N, C-alpha and C. Protein backbone atom coordinates (compact mmCIF):
# COMPACT_ATOMS: atom_id res chain seq x y z
N MET A 1 -227.08 105.54 27.85
CA MET A 1 -225.21 105.13 27.35
C MET A 1 -225.58 103.62 27.91
N THR A 2 -224.95 102.99 26.90
CA THR A 2 -224.72 101.58 27.11
C THR A 2 -223.06 101.20 27.49
N ASP A 3 -223.01 99.79 27.55
CA ASP A 3 -221.54 99.80 28.28
C ASP A 3 -220.23 99.54 26.93
N GLY A 4 -221.03 99.05 25.88
CA GLY A 4 -220.09 98.88 24.56
C GLY A 4 -219.48 97.50 24.41
N LEU A 5 -219.93 96.55 25.09
CA LEU A 5 -219.24 95.14 25.10
C LEU A 5 -219.66 94.47 24.18
N ASP A 6 -221.02 94.91 23.27
CA ASP A 6 -221.09 93.75 21.99
C ASP A 6 -220.56 93.95 21.31
N GLN A 7 -220.21 95.91 20.82
CA GLN A 7 -219.41 96.03 19.54
C GLN A 7 -218.18 95.77 19.81
N ALA A 8 -217.39 95.80 21.05
CA ALA A 8 -216.05 95.45 21.34
C ALA A 8 -215.86 93.93 20.60
N ILE A 9 -216.93 93.29 21.36
CA ILE A 9 -216.47 91.98 20.85
C ILE A 9 -216.73 91.43 19.33
N ILE A 10 -217.51 92.02 18.75
CA ILE A 10 -217.54 91.83 17.63
C ILE A 10 -216.30 92.67 16.73
N ASP A 11 -215.87 93.82 16.92
CA ASP A 11 -214.75 94.25 16.49
C ASP A 11 -213.50 93.45 16.70
N ALA A 12 -213.56 92.83 18.05
CA ALA A 12 -212.37 92.23 18.22
C ALA A 12 -212.45 91.03 16.91
N GLY A 13 -213.28 90.43 16.75
CA GLY A 13 -213.36 89.26 15.62
C GLY A 13 -213.01 89.76 14.18
N LEU A 14 -213.64 90.68 14.07
CA LEU A 14 -213.28 91.53 12.82
C LEU A 14 -211.81 91.89 12.52
N ALA A 15 -211.20 92.13 13.69
CA ALA A 15 -210.00 92.91 13.66
C ALA A 15 -208.96 91.48 13.17
N LEU A 16 -209.47 90.37 13.90
CA LEU A 16 -208.54 89.11 13.63
C LEU A 16 -208.46 88.81 11.93
N LEU A 17 -209.84 88.70 11.35
CA LEU A 17 -210.05 88.67 9.85
C LEU A 17 -209.11 89.79 9.41
N ARG A 18 -209.28 90.85 9.67
CA ARG A 18 -208.34 91.74 8.86
C ARG A 18 -206.97 91.98 9.07
N ALA A 19 -206.57 91.32 10.30
CA ALA A 19 -205.19 91.06 10.59
C ALA A 19 -204.40 90.12 9.78
N ASP A 20 -205.07 89.32 8.90
CA ASP A 20 -204.46 88.36 7.86
C ASP A 20 -203.38 89.23 7.06
N ALA A 21 -202.33 88.16 6.65
CA ALA A 21 -201.14 89.20 6.44
C ALA A 21 -200.97 88.70 4.61
N ILE A 22 -201.93 87.67 4.22
CA ILE A 22 -201.48 87.19 2.91
C ILE A 22 -201.98 88.28 1.96
N THR A 23 -201.12 88.19 0.79
CA THR A 23 -201.55 89.18 -0.25
C THR A 23 -202.23 88.21 -1.49
N PRO A 24 -203.45 88.74 -2.02
CA PRO A 24 -204.11 89.98 -1.94
C PRO A 24 -204.94 89.96 -0.53
N ALA A 25 -204.99 91.21 0.21
CA ALA A 25 -205.66 91.28 1.46
C ALA A 25 -207.37 90.77 1.18
N LEU A 26 -207.59 90.25 2.15
CA LEU A 26 -208.93 89.89 1.94
C LEU A 26 -210.13 91.19 2.21
N VAL A 27 -210.96 91.05 1.14
CA VAL A 27 -211.86 92.27 1.36
C VAL A 27 -213.01 91.67 2.35
N ILE A 28 -213.01 92.58 3.40
CA ILE A 28 -213.92 92.34 4.61
C ILE A 28 -214.91 92.94 4.53
N PHE A 29 -216.31 93.04 4.69
CA PHE A 29 -217.45 93.97 5.12
C PHE A 29 -218.22 93.17 6.28
N ASP A 30 -218.07 94.28 7.37
CA ASP A 30 -219.24 94.52 8.31
C ASP A 30 -220.45 94.41 8.00
N GLY A 31 -221.18 93.31 7.52
CA GLY A 31 -222.53 93.47 7.33
C GLY A 31 -222.85 93.98 5.93
N GLN A 32 -223.31 94.80 5.28
CA GLN A 32 -223.85 94.90 3.96
C GLN A 32 -222.67 95.21 3.03
N PRO A 33 -222.40 94.63 1.85
CA PRO A 33 -221.29 95.38 1.11
C PRO A 33 -221.60 96.83 0.50
N THR A 34 -220.68 97.22 0.21
CA THR A 34 -220.71 98.17 -0.97
C THR A 34 -221.65 98.03 -2.17
N ASN A 35 -222.07 99.20 -2.48
CA ASN A 35 -223.01 99.15 -3.88
C ASN A 35 -221.97 100.00 -4.71
N PRO A 36 -221.31 99.81 -5.36
CA PRO A 36 -221.76 98.46 -6.48
C PRO A 36 -220.96 97.37 -5.60
N THR A 37 -221.05 96.07 -5.45
CA THR A 37 -220.49 95.08 -5.04
C THR A 37 -219.13 95.09 -5.85
N PRO A 38 -218.29 94.57 -5.22
CA PRO A 38 -217.01 94.34 -5.68
C PRO A 38 -217.01 93.19 -6.33
N ALA A 39 -215.72 92.54 -7.53
CA ALA A 39 -215.76 91.57 -7.85
C ALA A 39 -215.15 90.50 -6.70
N PRO A 40 -215.65 89.24 -6.93
CA PRO A 40 -215.44 88.39 -5.48
C PRO A 40 -213.45 88.36 -5.99
N PRO A 41 -212.96 87.79 -4.94
CA PRO A 41 -213.43 87.22 -3.62
C PRO A 41 -213.45 88.24 -2.63
N TYR A 42 -214.60 87.91 -1.76
CA TYR A 42 -214.76 89.12 -0.88
C TYR A 42 -215.28 87.99 0.61
N VAL A 43 -215.48 88.66 1.84
CA VAL A 43 -216.23 88.17 2.89
C VAL A 43 -217.15 89.18 3.41
N VAL A 44 -218.30 88.47 3.98
CA VAL A 44 -219.16 89.40 4.47
C VAL A 44 -219.75 89.09 5.98
N VAL A 45 -219.26 89.78 6.76
CA VAL A 45 -219.39 89.23 8.39
C VAL A 45 -220.91 89.78 8.77
N TRP A 46 -221.61 88.92 9.26
CA TRP A 46 -222.86 89.35 9.99
C TRP A 46 -222.60 88.85 11.50
N SER A 47 -223.05 89.61 12.77
CA SER A 47 -222.45 89.44 13.51
C SER A 47 -223.71 89.28 14.83
N THR A 48 -223.54 88.40 15.93
CA THR A 48 -224.81 88.69 16.91
C THR A 48 -224.02 88.57 17.94
N VAL A 49 -224.66 89.22 19.05
CA VAL A 49 -223.88 88.38 20.59
C VAL A 49 -225.16 88.42 21.78
N ASP A 50 -225.33 87.27 22.02
CA ASP A 50 -226.22 87.23 22.88
C ASP A 50 -225.93 87.16 24.31
N TRP A 51 -226.79 87.07 25.48
CA TRP A 51 -226.39 87.23 26.76
C TRP A 51 -227.54 86.06 27.15
N PRO A 52 -227.42 84.73 27.13
CA PRO A 52 -228.34 83.86 27.42
C PRO A 52 -229.10 83.75 28.93
N ALA A 53 -230.20 83.53 28.70
CA ALA A 53 -231.01 83.43 29.81
C ALA A 53 -230.80 82.32 31.12
N ASP A 54 -230.16 81.01 30.29
CA ASP A 54 -229.54 80.22 30.93
C ASP A 54 -228.03 80.29 31.87
N ASP A 55 -227.36 81.61 31.49
CA ASP A 55 -226.55 81.89 31.89
C ASP A 55 -226.35 80.97 33.57
N PRO A 56 -224.98 80.12 33.70
CA PRO A 56 -224.88 80.09 35.05
C PRO A 56 -224.79 81.17 36.36
N ALA A 57 -224.33 82.44 35.73
CA ALA A 57 -223.82 83.41 36.71
C ALA A 57 -225.19 83.83 37.31
N HIS A 58 -226.34 83.65 36.60
CA HIS A 58 -227.47 84.27 37.34
C HIS A 58 -227.85 83.59 38.59
N ASP A 59 -226.84 82.49 39.13
CA ASP A 59 -227.07 82.07 40.36
C ASP A 59 -226.23 83.09 40.97
N ALA A 60 -225.64 84.10 40.59
CA ALA A 60 -224.95 84.66 41.60
C ALA A 60 -225.52 85.74 42.43
N LEU A 61 -225.27 86.30 43.73
CA LEU A 61 -226.08 87.54 44.44
C LEU A 61 -226.84 88.47 43.87
N ASP A 62 -226.28 88.86 43.13
CA ASP A 62 -226.56 89.98 41.86
C ASP A 62 -227.27 89.72 40.63
N ASN A 63 -227.65 88.57 40.63
CA ASN A 63 -228.43 87.78 39.33
C ASN A 63 -228.03 88.42 38.00
N ARG A 64 -227.22 89.18 37.81
CA ARG A 64 -226.44 89.85 36.63
C ARG A 64 -226.08 88.60 35.81
N SER A 65 -226.51 88.98 34.25
CA SER A 65 -225.76 88.11 33.22
C SER A 65 -224.33 88.67 33.39
N GLU A 66 -223.69 87.84 33.15
CA GLU A 66 -222.00 87.97 32.83
C GLU A 66 -221.71 87.03 31.66
N HIS A 67 -222.28 86.26 31.03
CA HIS A 67 -221.84 85.38 29.99
C HIS A 67 -222.25 85.66 28.68
N ALA A 68 -221.61 86.23 27.48
CA ALA A 68 -221.95 86.72 26.34
C ALA A 68 -221.47 85.34 25.42
N VAL A 69 -222.49 85.52 24.36
CA VAL A 69 -221.90 84.43 23.04
C VAL A 69 -222.15 85.07 21.84
N ALA A 70 -221.00 85.57 21.26
CA ALA A 70 -220.79 86.17 20.32
C ALA A 70 -221.03 85.23 19.02
N ARG A 71 -221.40 85.60 17.62
CA ARG A 71 -221.40 84.80 16.50
C ARG A 71 -221.05 85.45 15.21
N TRP A 72 -220.02 84.99 14.50
CA TRP A 72 -219.64 85.69 12.92
C TRP A 72 -220.07 84.90 12.10
N PHE A 73 -221.05 85.13 11.41
CA PHE A 73 -221.49 84.66 10.25
C PHE A 73 -220.74 84.92 9.03
N VAL A 74 -219.84 83.99 8.86
CA VAL A 74 -218.63 84.75 7.67
C VAL A 74 -219.40 83.53 6.36
N HIS A 75 -219.88 84.96 5.50
CA HIS A 75 -220.29 84.61 4.29
C HIS A 75 -219.06 85.14 3.24
N ILE A 76 -218.58 83.94 2.72
CA ILE A 76 -217.46 83.98 1.51
C ILE A 76 -218.15 83.95 0.13
N VAL A 77 -217.71 84.83 -0.54
CA VAL A 77 -218.01 84.92 -1.99
C VAL A 77 -216.69 84.97 -2.91
N ALA A 78 -216.89 83.65 -3.84
CA ALA A 78 -215.34 83.36 -4.60
C ALA A 78 -215.67 83.12 -6.14
N GLU A 79 -214.70 83.05 -6.77
CA GLU A 79 -215.11 83.19 -8.50
C GLU A 79 -215.31 81.59 -8.75
N ASN A 80 -214.77 80.72 -7.72
CA ASN A 80 -214.82 79.51 -8.03
C ASN A 80 -214.81 78.37 -6.93
N LEU A 81 -214.92 77.29 -6.69
CA LEU A 81 -214.85 76.24 -5.42
C LEU A 81 -213.25 76.55 -4.69
N ARG A 82 -212.05 76.59 -5.76
CA ARG A 82 -210.94 76.36 -5.50
C ARG A 82 -210.43 77.50 -4.62
N GLN A 83 -210.96 79.00 -5.02
CA GLN A 83 -210.69 80.31 -4.71
C GLN A 83 -211.52 80.39 -3.41
N TRP A 84 -212.80 79.71 -3.10
CA TRP A 84 -213.75 79.75 -1.98
C TRP A 84 -213.14 78.76 -0.92
N ARG A 85 -212.45 77.88 -1.44
CA ARG A 85 -211.74 77.02 0.13
C ARG A 85 -210.50 77.68 0.40
N ALA A 86 -209.64 78.61 -0.46
CA ALA A 86 -208.81 79.21 -0.26
C ALA A 86 -209.10 80.39 0.49
N ILE A 87 -210.05 81.16 0.66
CA ILE A 87 -210.83 81.93 1.44
C ILE A 87 -211.17 81.45 2.81
N ALA A 88 -211.78 80.17 2.57
CA ALA A 88 -212.06 79.84 4.01
C ALA A 88 -211.35 79.29 5.02
N GLN A 89 -210.18 78.89 4.42
CA GLN A 89 -208.81 78.62 4.92
C GLN A 89 -208.67 79.58 5.71
N ARG A 90 -208.50 80.85 4.93
CA ARG A 90 -207.55 81.94 5.38
C ARG A 90 -208.29 82.35 6.62
N VAL A 91 -209.63 82.62 6.40
CA VAL A 91 -211.08 82.96 7.47
C VAL A 91 -210.46 82.06 8.88
N ARG A 92 -210.53 80.62 8.49
CA ARG A 92 -210.29 79.79 9.57
C ARG A 92 -209.01 79.75 10.42
N THR A 93 -208.11 80.23 9.69
CA THR A 93 -206.64 80.15 10.19
C THR A 93 -206.74 81.74 11.31
N GLN A 94 -207.64 82.52 10.58
CA GLN A 94 -207.46 83.98 11.64
C GLN A 94 -208.48 83.54 12.68
N LEU A 95 -209.86 82.84 12.92
CA LEU A 95 -210.46 83.16 13.82
C LEU A 95 -210.41 81.88 14.91
N LEU A 96 -210.12 80.91 13.98
CA LEU A 96 -210.20 79.44 15.03
C LEU A 96 -209.28 79.23 15.92
N ASN A 97 -209.59 79.15 17.07
CA ASN A 97 -208.46 78.82 18.38
C ASN A 97 -207.91 80.25 18.58
N ALA A 98 -208.22 81.17 17.98
CA ALA A 98 -207.76 82.83 18.67
C ALA A 98 -208.76 83.16 19.99
N ARG A 99 -207.90 83.91 20.67
CA ARG A 99 -208.44 84.31 21.79
C ARG A 99 -208.22 86.08 21.73
N PRO A 100 -209.17 86.25 21.46
CA PRO A 100 -209.38 88.00 21.29
C PRO A 100 -208.98 88.52 22.46
N ALA A 101 -208.43 90.03 22.25
CA ALA A 101 -208.50 90.76 23.52
C ALA A 101 -209.74 91.54 23.62
N VAL A 102 -210.63 92.10 24.56
CA VAL A 102 -211.39 92.51 24.52
C VAL A 102 -211.68 92.97 25.81
N ALA A 103 -211.56 94.49 25.83
CA ALA A 103 -211.57 95.29 27.36
C ALA A 103 -212.72 94.82 27.89
N GLY A 104 -212.47 94.47 29.51
CA GLY A 104 -213.54 94.37 30.13
C GLY A 104 -214.33 93.24 30.35
N MET A 105 -213.64 92.24 29.42
CA MET A 105 -214.27 90.92 29.32
C MET A 105 -213.13 89.62 29.27
N ALA A 106 -213.32 88.72 29.70
CA ALA A 106 -212.50 87.55 29.51
C ALA A 106 -212.93 86.41 28.43
N PRO A 107 -212.82 86.69 27.58
CA PRO A 107 -213.00 85.88 26.33
C PRO A 107 -212.53 84.42 26.23
N GLY A 108 -212.76 83.40 25.65
CA GLY A 108 -212.66 81.69 25.58
C GLY A 108 -211.89 81.92 24.37
N LEU A 109 -211.60 80.82 23.77
CA LEU A 109 -211.46 80.56 22.25
C LEU A 109 -212.61 80.55 21.47
N ILE A 110 -212.24 80.96 20.40
CA ILE A 110 -213.36 81.30 19.12
C ILE A 110 -213.06 79.85 18.86
N ARG A 111 -214.67 79.32 18.57
CA ARG A 111 -214.70 77.74 17.63
C ARG A 111 -215.60 78.11 16.64
N MET A 112 -215.43 76.73 15.83
CA MET A 112 -216.32 77.11 14.94
C MET A 112 -217.66 75.95 14.93
N GLU A 113 -219.03 76.54 14.65
CA GLU A 113 -219.94 76.06 14.64
C GLU A 113 -219.78 74.65 13.99
N ASP A 114 -221.05 73.59 14.35
CA ASP A 114 -220.66 72.59 13.20
C ASP A 114 -221.78 72.59 12.39
N GLY A 115 -221.91 72.19 11.45
CA GLY A 115 -223.31 72.16 10.52
C GLY A 115 -223.19 73.18 9.24
N SER A 116 -222.14 73.81 9.20
CA SER A 116 -221.90 74.67 8.07
C SER A 116 -222.45 73.83 6.73
N PRO A 117 -223.40 74.83 6.01
CA PRO A 117 -223.68 73.97 4.72
C PRO A 117 -222.77 74.12 3.63
N PRO A 118 -222.66 73.25 2.74
CA PRO A 118 -221.49 73.28 1.56
C PRO A 118 -221.76 74.65 0.82
N PRO A 119 -220.47 75.08 0.25
CA PRO A 119 -220.79 76.17 -0.92
C PRO A 119 -221.89 75.87 -1.92
N THR A 120 -222.17 76.75 -2.35
CA THR A 120 -222.95 76.46 -3.55
C THR A 120 -223.01 77.67 -4.63
N ALA A 121 -223.53 77.16 -5.78
CA ALA A 121 -223.59 78.43 -6.83
C ALA A 121 -224.17 79.56 -6.80
N ASP A 122 -224.02 80.25 -6.63
CA ASP A 122 -224.88 81.66 -6.66
C ASP A 122 -224.93 82.58 -7.64
N GLU A 123 -226.28 82.55 -8.48
CA GLU A 123 -226.08 83.52 -9.60
C GLU A 123 -227.01 84.72 -9.29
N SER A 124 -227.25 85.06 -7.95
CA SER A 124 -227.81 86.37 -7.52
C SER A 124 -227.25 87.47 -8.08
N LEU A 125 -225.95 87.45 -7.98
CA LEU A 125 -224.94 88.42 -8.25
C LEU A 125 -224.83 88.93 -9.47
N GLY A 126 -225.90 87.78 -10.62
CA GLY A 126 -225.35 88.00 -12.20
C GLY A 126 -224.99 87.11 -12.86
N SER A 127 -223.54 86.68 -12.24
CA SER A 127 -222.86 85.66 -12.65
C SER A 127 -222.55 84.86 -11.48
N PRO A 128 -222.18 83.46 -12.16
CA PRO A 128 -222.10 82.11 -11.17
C PRO A 128 -220.83 82.12 -10.10
N TYR A 129 -220.98 82.50 -9.12
CA TYR A 129 -220.02 82.78 -8.01
C TYR A 129 -220.32 81.22 -7.03
N ILE A 130 -219.71 81.00 -6.14
CA ILE A 130 -219.55 80.25 -5.50
C ILE A 130 -219.79 81.10 -4.13
N SER A 131 -220.57 80.64 -3.30
CA SER A 131 -220.94 81.36 -1.86
C SER A 131 -221.23 80.32 -0.73
N GLY A 132 -220.76 80.34 0.38
CA GLY A 132 -221.11 79.79 1.30
C GLY A 132 -221.00 80.51 2.84
N VAL A 133 -221.53 79.79 3.78
CA VAL A 133 -221.03 80.39 5.21
C VAL A 133 -220.78 79.59 6.15
N HIS A 134 -219.52 80.29 7.12
CA HIS A 134 -219.28 79.59 8.28
C HIS A 134 -219.58 80.13 9.57
N VAL A 135 -219.66 79.57 10.59
CA VAL A 135 -219.81 80.58 11.86
C VAL A 135 -218.71 80.04 12.95
N PHE A 136 -218.44 81.21 13.38
CA PHE A 136 -217.64 81.24 14.42
C PHE A 136 -218.30 81.56 15.66
N ARG A 137 -218.05 80.92 16.91
CA ARG A 137 -218.75 81.30 18.06
C ARG A 137 -217.42 81.71 19.25
N LEU A 138 -217.79 82.62 19.95
CA LEU A 138 -216.80 83.10 21.27
C LEU A 138 -217.45 83.46 22.25
N THR A 139 -217.25 82.52 23.13
CA THR A 139 -218.09 82.95 24.89
C THR A 139 -216.97 83.78 25.74
N CYS A 140 -217.68 84.77 26.24
CA CYS A 140 -216.92 85.81 26.86
C CYS A 140 -217.38 85.83 28.27
N ASP A 141 -217.02 86.33 28.96
CA ASP A 141 -217.26 86.37 30.77
C ASP A 141 -217.13 87.86 31.02
N THR A 142 -217.85 88.26 31.72
CA THR A 142 -217.59 89.78 32.47
C THR A 142 -216.54 89.86 33.88
């Protein structure tokens, strides 16, 4: 049996993305897109949760990790650069500076990681689409 915290944190970020109210709705995949892959635009989100070894809570009497760091690697695929920027802005609006509700955790604010590479032309899908990744990070304490 697990505590379910990792999945709860990831789901909170995905819920924020899916709460975008602009029409047409963002097509969001939690990991691998469906097969066949839909026409752009769409967003594929790969996520991780780390419980760092340098957690300051290790100084507590019980020596338990109490600090999680979640990252959402948001891969945006669009028909052109203008559309890519529009989707990237919608993603940023939903995630940046949000404080999601995660049962059993005290989340901070979601931040955007520095150093995202620029979007590039991607012909791996058979047509020249624009593809790029932004990374968003959240720290939570138990």
